[in-house]
Amino acid sequence: IPPPAGPDPTIRVRYIPAGRDQGVLRAGGKQ
């Protein structure tokens, strides 16, 4: 979280994995 300064203050959220970073996308009967 930066200070709320400037015209577009932006909070950055990051997921930083060390292993658990895989999933399954289910769409149109496909995985």
mmCIF file of all heavy atoms, coordinates in Angstrom:
data_MODEL
# 
_entry.id   MODEL 
# 
loop_
_atom_site.group_PDB 
_atom_site.id 
_atom_site.type_symbol 
_atom_site.label_atom_id 
_atom_site.label_alt_id 
_atom_site.label_comp_id 
_atom_site.label_asym_id 
_atom_site.label_entity_id 
_atom_site.label_seq_id 
_atom_site.pdbx_PDB_ins_code 
_atom_site.Cartn_x 
_atom_site.Cartn_y 
_atom_site.Cartn_z 
_atom_site.occupancy 
_atom_site.B_iso_or_equiv 
_atom_site.pdbx_formal_charge 
_atom_site.auth_seq_id 
_atom_site.auth_comp_id 
_atom_site.auth_asym_id 
_atom_site.auth_atom_id 
_atom_site.pdbx_PDB_model_num 
ATOM 1   N N   . ILE A 1 1  ? 0.851   -1.188  0.000   1.00 0.00 ? 1  ILE A N   1 
ATOM 2   C CA  . ILE A 1 1  ? 0.000   0.000   0.000   1.00 0.00 ? 1  ILE A CA  1 
ATOM 3   C C   . ILE A 1 1  ? 0.887   1.239   0.000   1.00 0.00 ? 1  ILE A C   1 
ATOM 4   O O   . ILE A 1 1  ? 1.646   1.458   0.945   1.00 0.00 ? 1  ILE A O   1 
ATOM 5   C CB  . ILE A 1 1  ? -0.915  0.028   1.237   1.00 0.00 ? 1  ILE A CB  1 
ATOM 6   C CG1 . ILE A 1 1  ? -1.698  -1.279  1.379   1.00 0.00 ? 1  ILE A CG1 1 
ATOM 7   C CG2 . ILE A 1 1  ? -1.876  1.223   1.164   1.00 0.00 ? 1  ILE A CG2 1 
ATOM 8   C CD1 . ILE A 1 1  ? -2.533  -1.363  2.644   1.00 0.00 ? 1  ILE A CD1 1 
ATOM 9   N N   . PRO A 1 2  ? 0.814   2.079   -1.022  1.00 0.00 ? 2  PRO A N   1 
ATOM 10  C CA  . PRO A 1 2  ? 1.551   3.348   -1.020  1.00 0.00 ? 2  PRO A CA  1 
ATOM 11  C C   . PRO A 1 2  ? 0.718   4.420   -0.315  1.00 0.00 ? 2  PRO A C   1 
ATOM 12  O O   . PRO A 1 2  ? -0.471  4.204   -0.027  1.00 0.00 ? 2  PRO A O   1 
ATOM 13  C CB  . PRO A 1 2  ? 1.695   3.656   -2.509  1.00 0.00 ? 2  PRO A CB  1 
ATOM 14  C CG  . PRO A 1 2  ? 0.422   3.124   -3.098  1.00 0.00 ? 2  PRO A CG  1 
ATOM 15  C CD  . PRO A 1 2  ? 0.071   1.887   -2.291  1.00 0.00 ? 2  PRO A CD  1 
ATOM 16  N N   . PRO A 1 3  ? 1.284   5.583   -0.034  1.00 0.00 ? 3  PRO A N   1 
ATOM 17  C CA  . PRO A 1 3  ? 0.466   6.689   0.474   1.00 0.00 ? 3  PRO A CA  1 
ATOM 18  C C   . PRO A 1 3  ? -0.598  7.058   -0.558  1.00 0.00 ? 3  PRO A C   1 
ATOM 19  O O   . PRO A 1 3  ? -0.391  6.875   -1.757  1.00 0.00 ? 3  PRO A O   1 
ATOM 20  C CB  . PRO A 1 3  ? 1.479   7.823   0.669   1.00 0.00 ? 3  PRO A CB  1 
ATOM 21  C CG  . PRO A 1 3  ? 2.815   7.166   0.686   1.00 0.00 ? 3  PRO A CG  1 
ATOM 22  C CD  . PRO A 1 3  ? 2.702   5.954   -0.173  1.00 0.00 ? 3  PRO A CD  1 
ATOM 23  N N   . PRO A 1 4  ? -1.732  7.583   -0.120  1.00 0.00 ? 4  PRO A N   1 
ATOM 24  C CA  . PRO A 1 4  ? -2.804  7.929   -1.060  1.00 0.00 ? 4  PRO A CA  1 
ATOM 25  C C   . PRO A 1 4  ? -2.541  9.256   -1.757  1.00 0.00 ? 4  PRO A C   1 
ATOM 26  O O   . PRO A 1 4  ? -3.286  10.226  -1.610  1.00 0.00 ? 4  PRO A O   1 
ATOM 27  C CB  . PRO A 1 4  ? -4.037  8.004   -0.158  1.00 0.00 ? 4  PRO A CB  1 
ATOM 28  C CG  . PRO A 1 4  ? -3.492  8.449   1.156   1.00 0.00 ? 4  PRO A CG  1 
ATOM 29  C CD  . PRO A 1 4  ? -2.135  7.802   1.287   1.00 0.00 ? 4  PRO A CD  1 
ATOM 30  N N   . ALA A 1 5  ? -1.456  9.315   -2.523  1.00 0.00 ? 5  ALA A N   1 
ATOM 31  C CA  . ALA A 1 5  ? -1.051  10.555  -3.187  1.00 0.00 ? 5  ALA A CA  1 
ATOM 32  C C   . ALA A 1 5  ? -1.156  10.388  -4.698  1.00 0.00 ? 5  ALA A C   1 
ATOM 33  O O   . ALA A 1 5  ? -1.127  9.274   -5.223  1.00 0.00 ? 5  ALA A O   1 
ATOM 34  C CB  . ALA A 1 5  ? 0.380   10.917  -2.797  1.00 0.00 ? 5  ALA A CB  1 
ATOM 35  N N   . GLY A 1 6  ? -1.246  11.501  -5.404  1.00 0.00 ? 6  GLY A N   1 
ATOM 36  C CA  . GLY A 1 6  ? -1.287  11.460  -6.852  1.00 0.00 ? 6  GLY A CA  1 
ATOM 37  C C   . GLY A 1 6  ? -2.677  11.155  -7.378  1.00 0.00 ? 6  GLY A C   1 
ATOM 38  O O   . GLY A 1 6  ? -3.611  10.863  -6.625  1.00 0.00 ? 6  GLY A O   1 
ATOM 39  N N   . PRO A 1 7  ? -2.831  11.160  -8.699  1.00 0.00 ? 7  PRO A N   1 
ATOM 40  C CA  . PRO A 1 7  ? -4.152  10.974  -9.300  1.00 0.00 ? 7  PRO A CA  1 
ATOM 41  C C   . PRO A 1 7  ? -4.639  9.535   -9.310  1.00 0.00 ? 7  PRO A C   1 
ATOM 42  O O   . PRO A 1 7  ? -5.830  9.289   -9.481  1.00 0.00 ? 7  PRO A O   1 
ATOM 43  C CB  . PRO A 1 7  ? -3.942  11.475  -10.738 1.00 0.00 ? 7  PRO A CB  1 
ATOM 44  C CG  . PRO A 1 7  ? -2.485  11.240  -11.007 1.00 0.00 ? 7  PRO A CG  1 
ATOM 45  C CD  . PRO A 1 7  ? -1.786  11.479  -9.690  1.00 0.00 ? 7  PRO A CD  1 
ATOM 46  N N   . ASP A 1 8  ? -3.750  8.563   -9.148  1.00 0.00 ? 8  ASP A N   1 
ATOM 47  C CA  . ASP A 1 8  ? -4.144  7.156   -9.265  1.00 0.00 ? 8  ASP A CA  1 
ATOM 48  C C   . ASP A 1 8  ? -3.350  6.282   -8.281  1.00 0.00 ? 8  ASP A C   1 
ATOM 49  O O   . ASP A 1 8  ? -2.569  5.424   -8.688  1.00 0.00 ? 8  ASP A O   1 
ATOM 50  C CB  . ASP A 1 8  ? -3.927  6.674   -10.703 1.00 0.00 ? 8  ASP A CB  1 
ATOM 51  C CG  . ASP A 1 8  ? -4.460  5.271   -10.941 1.00 0.00 ? 8  ASP A CG  1 
ATOM 52  O OD1 . ASP A 1 8  ? -5.438  4.887   -10.273 1.00 0.00 ? 8  ASP A OD1 1 
ATOM 53  O OD2 . ASP A 1 8  ? -3.894  4.556   -11.796 1.00 0.00 ? 8  ASP A OD2 1 
ATOM 54  N N   . PRO A 1 9  ? -3.535  6.462   -6.967  1.00 0.00 ? 9  PRO A N   1 
ATOM 55  C CA  . PRO A 1 9  ? -2.808  5.616   -6.009  1.00 0.00 ? 9  PRO A CA  1 
ATOM 56  C C   . PRO A 1 9  ? -3.233  4.158   -6.169  1.00 0.00 ? 9  PRO A C   1 
ATOM 57  O O   . PRO A 1 9  ? -4.434  3.868   -6.269  1.00 0.00 ? 9  PRO A O   1 
ATOM 58  C CB  . PRO A 1 9  ? -3.212  6.180   -4.652  1.00 0.00 ? 9  PRO A CB  1 
ATOM 59  C CG  . PRO A 1 9  ? -4.524  6.861   -4.889  1.00 0.00 ? 9  PRO A CG  1 
ATOM 60  C CD  . PRO A 1 9  ? -4.458  7.392   -6.288  1.00 0.00 ? 9  PRO A CD  1 
ATOM 61  N N   . THR A 1 10 ? -2.267  3.258   -6.237  1.00 0.00 ? 10 THR A N   1 
ATOM 62  C CA  . THR A 1 10 ? -2.547  1.862   -6.582  1.00 0.00 ? 10 THR A CA  1 
ATOM 63  C C   . THR A 1 10 ? -1.961  0.914   -5.541  1.00 0.00 ? 10 THR A C   1 
ATOM 64  O O   . THR A 1 10 ? -0.772  0.982   -5.219  1.00 0.00 ? 10 THR A O   1 
ATOM 65  C CB  . THR A 1 10 ? -1.960  1.524   -7.969  1.00 0.00 ? 10 THR A CB  1 
ATOM 66  O OG1 . THR A 1 10 ? -2.535  2.406   -8.948  1.00 0.00 ? 10 THR A OG1 1 
ATOM 67  C CG2 . THR A 1 10 ? -2.264  0.088   -8.350  1.00 0.00 ? 10 THR A CG2 1 
ATOM 68  N N   . ILE A 1 11 ? -2.799  0.026   -5.042  1.00 0.00 ? 11 ILE A N   1 
ATOM 69  C CA  . ILE A 1 11 ? -2.375  -1.047  -4.149  1.00 0.00 ? 11 ILE A CA  1 
ATOM 70  C C   . ILE A 1 11 ? -2.066  -2.279  -4.996  1.00 0.00 ? 11 ILE A C   1 
ATOM 71  O O   . ILE A 1 11 ? -2.862  -2.658  -5.869  1.00 0.00 ? 11 ILE A O   1 
ATOM 72  C CB  . ILE A 1 11 ? -3.477  -1.376  -3.123  1.00 0.00 ? 11 ILE A CB  1 
ATOM 73  C CG1 . ILE A 1 11 ? -3.706  -0.185  -2.193  1.00 0.00 ? 11 ILE A CG1 1 
ATOM 74  C CG2 . ILE A 1 11 ? -3.117  -2.620  -2.315  1.00 0.00 ? 11 ILE A CG2 1 
ATOM 75  C CD1 . ILE A 1 11 ? -4.911  -0.332  -1.285  1.00 0.00 ? 11 ILE A CD1 1 
ATOM 76  N N   . ARG A 1 12 ? -0.932  -2.898  -4.734  1.00 0.00 ? 12 ARG A N   1 
ATOM 77  C CA  . ARG A 1 12 ? -0.536  -4.101  -5.473  1.00 0.00 ? 12 ARG A CA  1 
ATOM 78  C C   . ARG A 1 12 ? -0.677  -5.328  -4.583  1.00 0.00 ? 12 ARG A C   1 
ATOM 79  O O   . ARG A 1 12 ? -0.143  -5.360  -3.477  1.00 0.00 ? 12 ARG A O   1 
ATOM 80  C CB  . ARG A 1 12 ? 0.905   -3.967  -5.949  1.00 0.00 ? 12 ARG A CB  1 
ATOM 81  C CG  . ARG A 1 12 ? 1.345   -5.113  -6.870  1.00 0.00 ? 12 ARG A CG  1 
ATOM 82  C CD  . ARG A 1 12 ? 2.787   -4.974  -7.242  1.00 0.00 ? 12 ARG A CD  1 
ATOM 83  N NE  . ARG A 1 12 ? 3.669   -5.308  -6.136  1.00 0.00 ? 12 ARG A NE  1 
ATOM 84  C CZ  . ARG A 1 12 ? 4.934   -4.889  -6.029  1.00 0.00 ? 12 ARG A CZ  1 
ATOM 85  N NH1 . ARG A 1 12 ? 5.427   -4.083  -6.943  1.00 0.00 ? 12 ARG A NH1 1 
ATOM 86  N NH2 . ARG A 1 12 ? 5.678   -5.260  -5.007  1.00 0.00 ? 12 ARG A NH2 1 
ATOM 87  N N   . VAL A 1 13 ? -1.392  -6.314  -5.093  1.00 0.00 ? 13 VAL A N   1 
ATOM 88  C CA  . VAL A 1 13 ? -1.542  -7.590  -4.388  1.00 0.00 ? 13 VAL A CA  1 
ATOM 89  C C   . VAL A 1 13 ? -0.868  -8.665  -5.220  1.00 0.00 ? 13 VAL A C   1 
ATOM 90  O O   . VAL A 1 13 ? -1.148  -8.808  -6.424  1.00 0.00 ? 13 VAL A O   1 
ATOM 91  C CB  . VAL A 1 13 ? -3.031  -7.939  -4.179  1.00 0.00 ? 13 VAL A CB  1 
ATOM 92  C CG1 . VAL A 1 13 ? -3.169  -9.304  -3.510  1.00 0.00 ? 13 VAL A CG1 1 
ATOM 93  C CG2 . VAL A 1 13 ? -3.724  -6.866  -3.340  1.00 0.00 ? 13 VAL A CG2 1 
ATOM 94  N N   . ARG A 1 14 ? 0.030   -9.414  -4.585  1.00 0.00 ? 14 ARG A N   1 
ATOM 95  C CA  . ARG A 1 14 ? 0.743   -10.483 -5.295  1.00 0.00 ? 14 ARG A CA  1 
ATOM 96  C C   . ARG A 1 14 ? 0.648   -11.785 -4.509  1.00 0.00 ? 14 ARG A C   1 
ATOM 97  O O   . ARG A 1 14 ? 0.832   -11.802 -3.289  1.00 0.00 ? 14 ARG A O   1 
ATOM 98  C CB  . ARG A 1 14 ? 2.224   -10.133 -5.449  1.00 0.00 ? 14 ARG A CB  1 
ATOM 99  C CG  . ARG A 1 14 ? 2.540   -9.212  -6.602  1.00 0.00 ? 14 ARG A CG  1 
ATOM 100 C CD  . ARG A 1 14 ? 4.041   -8.986  -6.698  1.00 0.00 ? 14 ARG A CD  1 
ATOM 101 N NE  . ARG A 1 14 ? 4.399   -8.151  -7.829  1.00 0.00 ? 14 ARG A NE  1 
ATOM 102 C CZ  . ARG A 1 14 ? 5.611   -7.653  -8.025  1.00 0.00 ? 14 ARG A CZ  1 
ATOM 103 N NH1 . ARG A 1 14 ? 6.594   -7.928  -7.163  1.00 0.00 ? 14 ARG A NH1 1 
ATOM 104 N NH2 . ARG A 1 14 ? 5.868   -6.889  -9.069  1.00 0.00 ? 14 ARG A NH2 1 
ATOM 105 N N   . TYR A 1 15 ? 0.376   -12.848 -5.237  1.00 0.00 ? 15 TYR A N   1 
ATOM 106 C CA  . TYR A 1 15 ? 0.509   -14.193 -4.682  1.00 0.00 ? 15 TYR A CA  1 
ATOM 107 C C   . TYR A 1 15 ? 1.876   -14.706 -5.100  1.00 0.00 ? 15 TYR A C   1 
ATOM 108 O O   . TYR A 1 15 ? 2.202   -14.747 -6.292  1.00 0.00 ? 15 TYR A O   1 
ATOM 109 C CB  . TYR A 1 15 ? -0.603  -15.100 -5.213  1.00 0.00 ? 15 TYR A CB  1 
ATOM 110 C CG  . TYR A 1 15 ? -0.453  -16.547 -4.813  1.00 0.00 ? 15 TYR A CG  1 
ATOM 111 C CD1 . TYR A 1 15 ? -0.467  -16.919 -3.469  1.00 0.00 ? 15 TYR A CD1 1 
ATOM 112 C CD2 . TYR A 1 15 ? -0.309  -17.541 -5.774  1.00 0.00 ? 15 TYR A CD2 1 
ATOM 113 C CE1 . TYR A 1 15 ? -0.329  -18.258 -3.100  1.00 0.00 ? 15 TYR A CE1 1 
ATOM 114 C CE2 . TYR A 1 15 ? -0.182  -18.878 -5.423  1.00 0.00 ? 15 TYR A CE2 1 
ATOM 115 C CZ  . TYR A 1 15 ? -0.191  -19.230 -4.079  1.00 0.00 ? 15 TYR A CZ  1 
ATOM 116 O OH  . TYR A 1 15 ? -0.053  -20.546 -3.717  1.00 0.00 ? 15 TYR A OH  1 
ATOM 117 N N   . ILE A 1 16 ? 2.703   -15.072 -4.121  1.00 0.00 ? 16 ILE A N   1 
ATOM 118 C CA  . ILE A 1 16 ? 4.084   -15.493 -4.383  1.00 0.00 ? 16 ILE A CA  1 
ATOM 119 C C   . ILE A 1 16 ? 4.210   -16.953 -3.950  1.00 0.00 ? 16 ILE A C   1 
ATOM 120 O O   . ILE A 1 16 ? 4.406   -17.250 -2.761  1.00 0.00 ? 16 ILE A O   1 
ATOM 121 C CB  . ILE A 1 16 ? 5.091   -14.606 -3.620  1.00 0.00 ? 16 ILE A CB  1 
ATOM 122 C CG1 . ILE A 1 16 ? 4.840   -13.124 -3.948  1.00 0.00 ? 16 ILE A CG1 1 
ATOM 123 C CG2 . ILE A 1 16 ? 6.526   -14.993 -3.977  1.00 0.00 ? 16 ILE A CG2 1 
ATOM 124 C CD1 . ILE A 1 16 ? 5.671   -12.173 -3.103  1.00 0.00 ? 16 ILE A CD1 1 
ATOM 125 N N   . PRO A 1 17 ? 4.057   -17.891 -4.873  1.00 0.00 ? 17 PRO A N   1 
ATOM 126 C CA  . PRO A 1 17 ? 4.062   -19.306 -4.501  1.00 0.00 ? 17 PRO A CA  1 
ATOM 127 C C   . PRO A 1 17 ? 5.462   -19.897 -4.460  1.00 0.00 ? 17 PRO A C   1 
ATOM 128 O O   . PRO A 1 17 ? 6.381   -19.410 -5.126  1.00 0.00 ? 17 PRO A O   1 
ATOM 129 C CB  . PRO A 1 17 ? 3.240   -19.956 -5.608  1.00 0.00 ? 17 PRO A CB  1 
ATOM 130 C CG  . PRO A 1 17 ? 3.555   -19.119 -6.813  1.00 0.00 ? 17 PRO A CG  1 
ATOM 131 C CD  . PRO A 1 17 ? 3.761   -17.705 -6.297  1.00 0.00 ? 17 PRO A CD  1 
ATOM 132 N N   . ALA A 1 18 ? 5.582   -20.949 -3.678  1.00 0.00 ? 18 ALA A N   1 
ATOM 133 C CA  . ALA A 1 18 ? 6.804   -21.743 -3.686  1.00 0.00 ? 18 ALA A CA  1 
ATOM 134 C C   . ALA A 1 18 ? 6.477   -23.176 -4.089  1.00 0.00 ? 18 ALA A C   1 
ATOM 135 O O   . ALA A 1 18 ? 7.277   -24.073 -3.896  1.00 0.00 ? 18 ALA A O   1 
ATOM 136 C CB  . ALA A 1 18 ? 7.465   -21.730 -2.305  1.00 0.00 ? 18 ALA A CB  1 
ATOM 137 N N   . GLY A 1 19 ? 5.307   -23.382 -4.627  1.00 0.00 ? 19 GLY A N   1 
ATOM 138 C CA  . GLY A 1 19 ? 4.924   -24.728 -5.033  1.00 0.00 ? 19 GLY A CA  1 
ATOM 139 C C   . GLY A 1 19 ? 3.465   -24.848 -5.408  1.00 0.00 ? 19 GLY A C   1 
ATOM 140 O O   . GLY A 1 19 ? 3.115   -25.434 -6.429  1.00 0.00 ? 19 GLY A O   1 
ATOM 141 N N   . ARG A 1 20 ? 2.575   -24.275 -4.593  1.00 0.00 ? 20 ARG A N   1 
ATOM 142 C CA  . ARG A 1 20 ? 1.146   -24.445 -4.849  1.00 0.00 ? 20 ARG A CA  1 
ATOM 143 C C   . ARG A 1 20 ? 0.660   -23.334 -5.777  1.00 0.00 ? 20 ARG A C   1 
ATOM 144 O O   . ARG A 1 20 ? 0.138   -22.310 -5.357  1.00 0.00 ? 20 ARG A O   1 
ATOM 145 C CB  . ARG A 1 20 ? 0.363   -24.429 -3.539  1.00 0.00 ? 20 ARG A CB  1 
ATOM 146 C CG  . ARG A 1 20 ? -1.079  -24.886 -3.678  1.00 0.00 ? 20 ARG A CG  1 
ATOM 147 C CD  . ARG A 1 20 ? -1.739  -24.978 -2.322  1.00 0.00 ? 20 ARG A CD  1 
ATOM 148 N NE  . ARG A 1 20 ? -1.153  -26.019 -1.518  1.00 0.00 ? 20 ARG A NE  1 
ATOM 149 C CZ  . ARG A 1 20 ? -1.524  -27.299 -1.551  1.00 0.00 ? 20 ARG A CZ  1 
ATOM 150 N NH1 . ARG A 1 20 ? -2.481  -27.671 -2.366  1.00 0.00 ? 20 ARG A NH1 1 
ATOM 151 N NH2 . ARG A 1 20 ? -0.955  -28.200 -0.777  1.00 0.00 ? 20 ARG A NH2 1 
ATOM 152 N N   . ASP A 1 21 ? 0.835   -23.551 -7.088  1.00 0.00 ? 21 ASP A N   1 
ATOM 153 C CA  . ASP A 1 21 ? 0.478   -22.524 -8.063  1.00 0.00 ? 21 ASP A CA  1 
ATOM 154 C C   . ASP A 1 21 ? -0.191  -23.115 -9.297  1.00 0.00 ? 21 ASP A C   1 
ATOM 155 O O   . ASP A 1 21 ? -0.221  -22.494 -10.355 1.00 0.00 ? 21 ASP A O   1 
ATOM 156 C CB  . ASP A 1 21 ? 1.711   -21.733 -8.483  1.00 0.00 ? 21 ASP A CB  1 
ATOM 157 C CG  . ASP A 1 21 ? 2.800   -22.616 -9.085  1.00 0.00 ? 21 ASP A CG  1 
ATOM 158 O OD1 . ASP A 1 21 ? 2.653   -23.850 -9.060  1.00 0.00 ? 21 ASP A OD1 1 
ATOM 159 O OD2 . ASP A 1 21 ? 3.799   -22.066 -9.583  1.00 0.00 ? 21 ASP A OD2 1 
ATOM 160 N N   . GLN A 1 22 ? -0.744  -24.336 -9.172  1.00 0.00 ? 22 GLN A N   1 
ATOM 161 C CA  . GLN A 1 22 ? -1.385  -24.986 -10.302 1.00 0.00 ? 22 GLN A CA  1 
ATOM 162 C C   . GLN A 1 22 ? -2.845  -25.273 -9.997  1.00 0.00 ? 22 GLN A C   1 
ATOM 163 O O   . GLN A 1 22 ? -3.202  -25.638 -8.877  1.00 0.00 ? 22 GLN A O   1 
ATOM 164 C CB  . GLN A 1 22 ? -0.671  -26.301 -10.652 1.00 0.00 ? 22 GLN A CB  1 
ATOM 165 C CG  . GLN A 1 22 ? 0.748   -26.105 -11.161 1.00 0.00 ? 22 GLN A CG  1 
ATOM 166 C CD  . GLN A 1 22 ? 0.792   -25.378 -12.491 1.00 0.00 ? 22 GLN A CD  1 
ATOM 167 O OE1 . GLN A 1 22 ? 0.072   -25.731 -13.432 1.00 0.00 ? 22 GLN A OE1 1 
ATOM 168 N NE2 . GLN A 1 22 ? 1.622   -24.349 -12.572 1.00 0.00 ? 22 GLN A NE2 1 
ATOM 169 N N   . GLY A 1 23 ? -3.695  -25.077 -10.989 1.00 0.00 ? 23 GLY A N   1 
ATOM 170 C CA  . GLY A 1 23 ? -5.105  -25.377 -10.867 1.00 0.00 ? 23 GLY A CA  1 
ATOM 171 C C   . GLY A 1 23 ? -5.624  -25.968 -12.157 1.00 0.00 ? 23 GLY A C   1 
ATOM 172 O O   . GLY A 1 23 ? -4.863  -26.211 -13.100 1.00 0.00 ? 23 GLY A O   1 
ATOM 173 N N   . VAL A 1 24 ? -6.932  -26.192 -12.211 1.00 0.00 ? 24 VAL A N   1 
ATOM 174 C CA  . VAL A 1 24 ? -7.576  -26.751 -13.400 1.00 0.00 ? 24 VAL A CA  1 
ATOM 175 C C   . VAL A 1 24 ? -8.685  -25.809 -13.823 1.00 0.00 ? 24 VAL A C   1 
ATOM 176 O O   . VAL A 1 24 ? -9.566  -25.465 -13.018 1.00 0.00 ? 24 VAL A O   1 
ATOM 177 C CB  . VAL A 1 24 ? -8.153  -28.152 -13.110 1.00 0.00 ? 24 VAL A CB  1 
ATOM 178 C CG1 . VAL A 1 24 ? -8.921  -28.667 -14.335 1.00 0.00 ? 24 VAL A CG1 1 
ATOM 179 C CG2 . VAL A 1 24 ? -7.036  -29.122 -12.744 1.00 0.00 ? 24 VAL A CG2 1 
ATOM 180 N N   . LEU A 1 25 ? -8.636  -25.359 -15.076 1.00 0.00 ? 25 LEU A N   1 
ATOM 181 C CA  . LEU A 1 25 ? -9.667  -24.507 -15.639 1.00 0.00 ? 25 LEU A CA  1 
ATOM 182 C C   . LEU A 1 25 ? -10.670 -25.393 -16.360 1.00 0.00 ? 25 LEU A C   1 
ATOM 183 O O   . LEU A 1 25 ? -10.322 -26.119 -17.291 1.00 0.00 ? 25 LEU A O   1 
ATOM 184 C CB  . LEU A 1 25 ? -9.051  -23.503 -16.609 1.00 0.00 ? 25 LEU A CB  1 
ATOM 185 C CG  . LEU A 1 25 ? -10.020 -22.519 -17.278 1.00 0.00 ? 25 LEU A CG  1 
ATOM 186 C CD1 . LEU A 1 25 ? -10.665 -21.617 -16.248 1.00 0.00 ? 25 LEU A CD1 1 
ATOM 187 C CD2 . LEU A 1 25 ? -9.292  -21.694 -18.333 1.00 0.00 ? 25 LEU A CD2 1 
ATOM 188 N N   . ARG A 1 26 ? -11.923 -25.345 -15.915 1.00 0.00 ? 26 ARG A N   1 
ATOM 189 C CA  . ARG A 1 26 ? -12.987 -26.134 -16.537 1.00 0.00 ? 26 ARG A CA  1 
ATOM 190 C C   . ARG A 1 26 ? -13.830 -25.222 -17.412 1.00 0.00 ? 26 ARG A C   1 
ATOM 191 O O   . ARG A 1 26 ? -14.442 -24.276 -16.932 1.00 0.00 ? 26 ARG A O   1 
ATOM 192 C CB  . ARG A 1 26 ? -13.857 -26.789 -15.464 1.00 0.00 ? 26 ARG A CB  1 
ATOM 193 C CG  . ARG A 1 26 ? -13.122 -27.791 -14.589 1.00 0.00 ? 26 ARG A CG  1 
ATOM 194 C CD  . ARG A 1 26 ? -14.059 -28.421 -13.562 1.00 0.00 ? 26 ARG A CD  1 
ATOM 195 N NE  . ARG A 1 26 ? -13.397 -29.445 -12.786 1.00 0.00 ? 26 ARG A NE  1 
ATOM 196 C CZ  . ARG A 1 26 ? -12.754 -29.207 -11.648 1.00 0.00 ? 26 ARG A CZ  1 
ATOM 197 N NH1 . ARG A 1 26 ? -12.684 -27.959 -11.169 1.00 0.00 ? 26 ARG A NH1 1 
ATOM 198 N NH2 . ARG A 1 26 ? -12.184 -30.188 -10.990 1.00 0.00 ? 26 ARG A NH2 1 
ATOM 199 N N   . ALA A 1 27 ? -13.860 -25.508 -18.701 1.00 0.00 ? 27 ALA A N   1 
ATOM 200 C CA  . ALA A 1 27 ? -14.622 -24.699 -19.647 1.00 0.00 ? 27 ALA A CA  1 
ATOM 201 C C   . ALA A 1 27 ? -15.019 -25.561 -20.840 1.00 0.00 ? 27 ALA A C   1 
ATOM 202 O O   . ALA A 1 27 ? -14.172 -26.259 -21.420 1.00 0.00 ? 27 ALA A O   1 
ATOM 203 C CB  . ALA A 1 27 ? -13.799 -23.499 -20.121 1.00 0.00 ? 27 ALA A CB  1 
ATOM 204 N N   . GLY A 1 28 ? -16.295 -25.521 -21.208 1.00 0.00 ? 28 GLY A N   1 
ATOM 205 C CA  . GLY A 1 28 ? -16.767 -26.266 -22.376 1.00 0.00 ? 28 GLY A CA  1 
ATOM 206 C C   . GLY A 1 28 ? -16.530 -27.755 -22.281 1.00 0.00 ? 28 GLY A C   1 
ATOM 207 O O   . GLY A 1 28 ? -16.259 -28.405 -23.295 1.00 0.00 ? 28 GLY A O   1 
ATOM 208 N N   . GLY A 1 29 ? -16.610 -28.308 -21.088 1.00 0.00 ? 29 GLY A N   1 
ATOM 209 C CA  . GLY A 1 29 ? -16.392 -29.739 -20.907 1.00 0.00 ? 29 GLY A CA  1 
ATOM 210 C C   . GLY A 1 29 ? -14.940 -30.143 -20.882 1.00 0.00 ? 29 GLY A C   1 
ATOM 211 O O   . GLY A 1 29 ? -14.624 -31.329 -20.746 1.00 0.00 ? 29 GLY A O   1 
ATOM 212 N N   . LYS A 1 30 ? -14.030 -29.183 -21.023 1.00 0.00 ? 30 LYS A N   1 
ATOM 213 C CA  . LYS A 1 30 ? -12.598 -29.479 -21.008 1.00 0.00 ? 30 LYS A CA  1 
ATOM 214 C C   . LYS A 1 30 ? -11.997 -29.083 -19.664 1.00 0.00 ? 30 LYS A C   1 
ATOM 215 O O   . LYS A 1 30 ? -12.450 -28.146 -19.009 1.00 0.00 ? 30 LYS A O   1 
ATOM 216 C CB  . LYS A 1 30 ? -11.882 -28.726 -22.123 1.00 0.00 ? 30 LYS A CB  1 
ATOM 217 C CG  . LYS A 1 30 ? -12.264 -29.151 -23.525 1.00 0.00 ? 30 LYS A CG  1 
ATOM 218 C CD  . LYS A 1 30 ? -11.529 -28.309 -24.552 1.00 0.00 ? 30 LYS A CD  1 
ATOM 219 C CE  . LYS A 1 30 ? -10.017 -28.436 -24.407 1.00 0.00 ? 30 LYS A CE  1 
ATOM 220 N NZ  . LYS A 1 30 ? -9.292  -27.641 -25.435 1.00 0.00 ? 30 LYS A NZ  1 
ATOM 221 N N   . GLN A 1 31 ? -10.968 -29.793 -19.263 1.00 0.00 ? 31 GLN A N   1 
ATOM 222 C CA  . GLN A 1 31 ? -10.210 -29.471 -18.064 1.00 0.00 ? 31 GLN A CA  1 
ATOM 223 C C   . GLN A 1 31 ? -8.767  -29.196 -18.469 1.00 0.00 ? 31 GLN A C   1 
ATOM 224 O O   . GLN A 1 31 ? -8.088  -30.072 -19.005 1.00 0.00 ? 31 GLN A O   1 
ATOM 225 C CB  . GLN A 1 31 ? -10.263 -30.617 -17.048 1.00 0.00 ? 31 GLN A CB  1 
ATOM 226 C CG  . GLN A 1 31 ? -11.668 -30.877 -16.518 1.00 0.00 ? 31 GLN A CG  1 
ATOM 227 C CD  . GLN A 1 31 ? -11.671 -31.873 -15.374 1.00 0.00 ? 31 GLN A CD  1 
ATOM 228 O OE1 . GLN A 1 31 ? -10.630 -32.207 -14.811 1.00 0.00 ? 31 GLN A OE1 1 
ATOM 229 N NE2 . GLN A 1 31 ? -12.848 -32.355 -15.023 1.00 0.00 ? 31 GLN A NE2 1 
# 
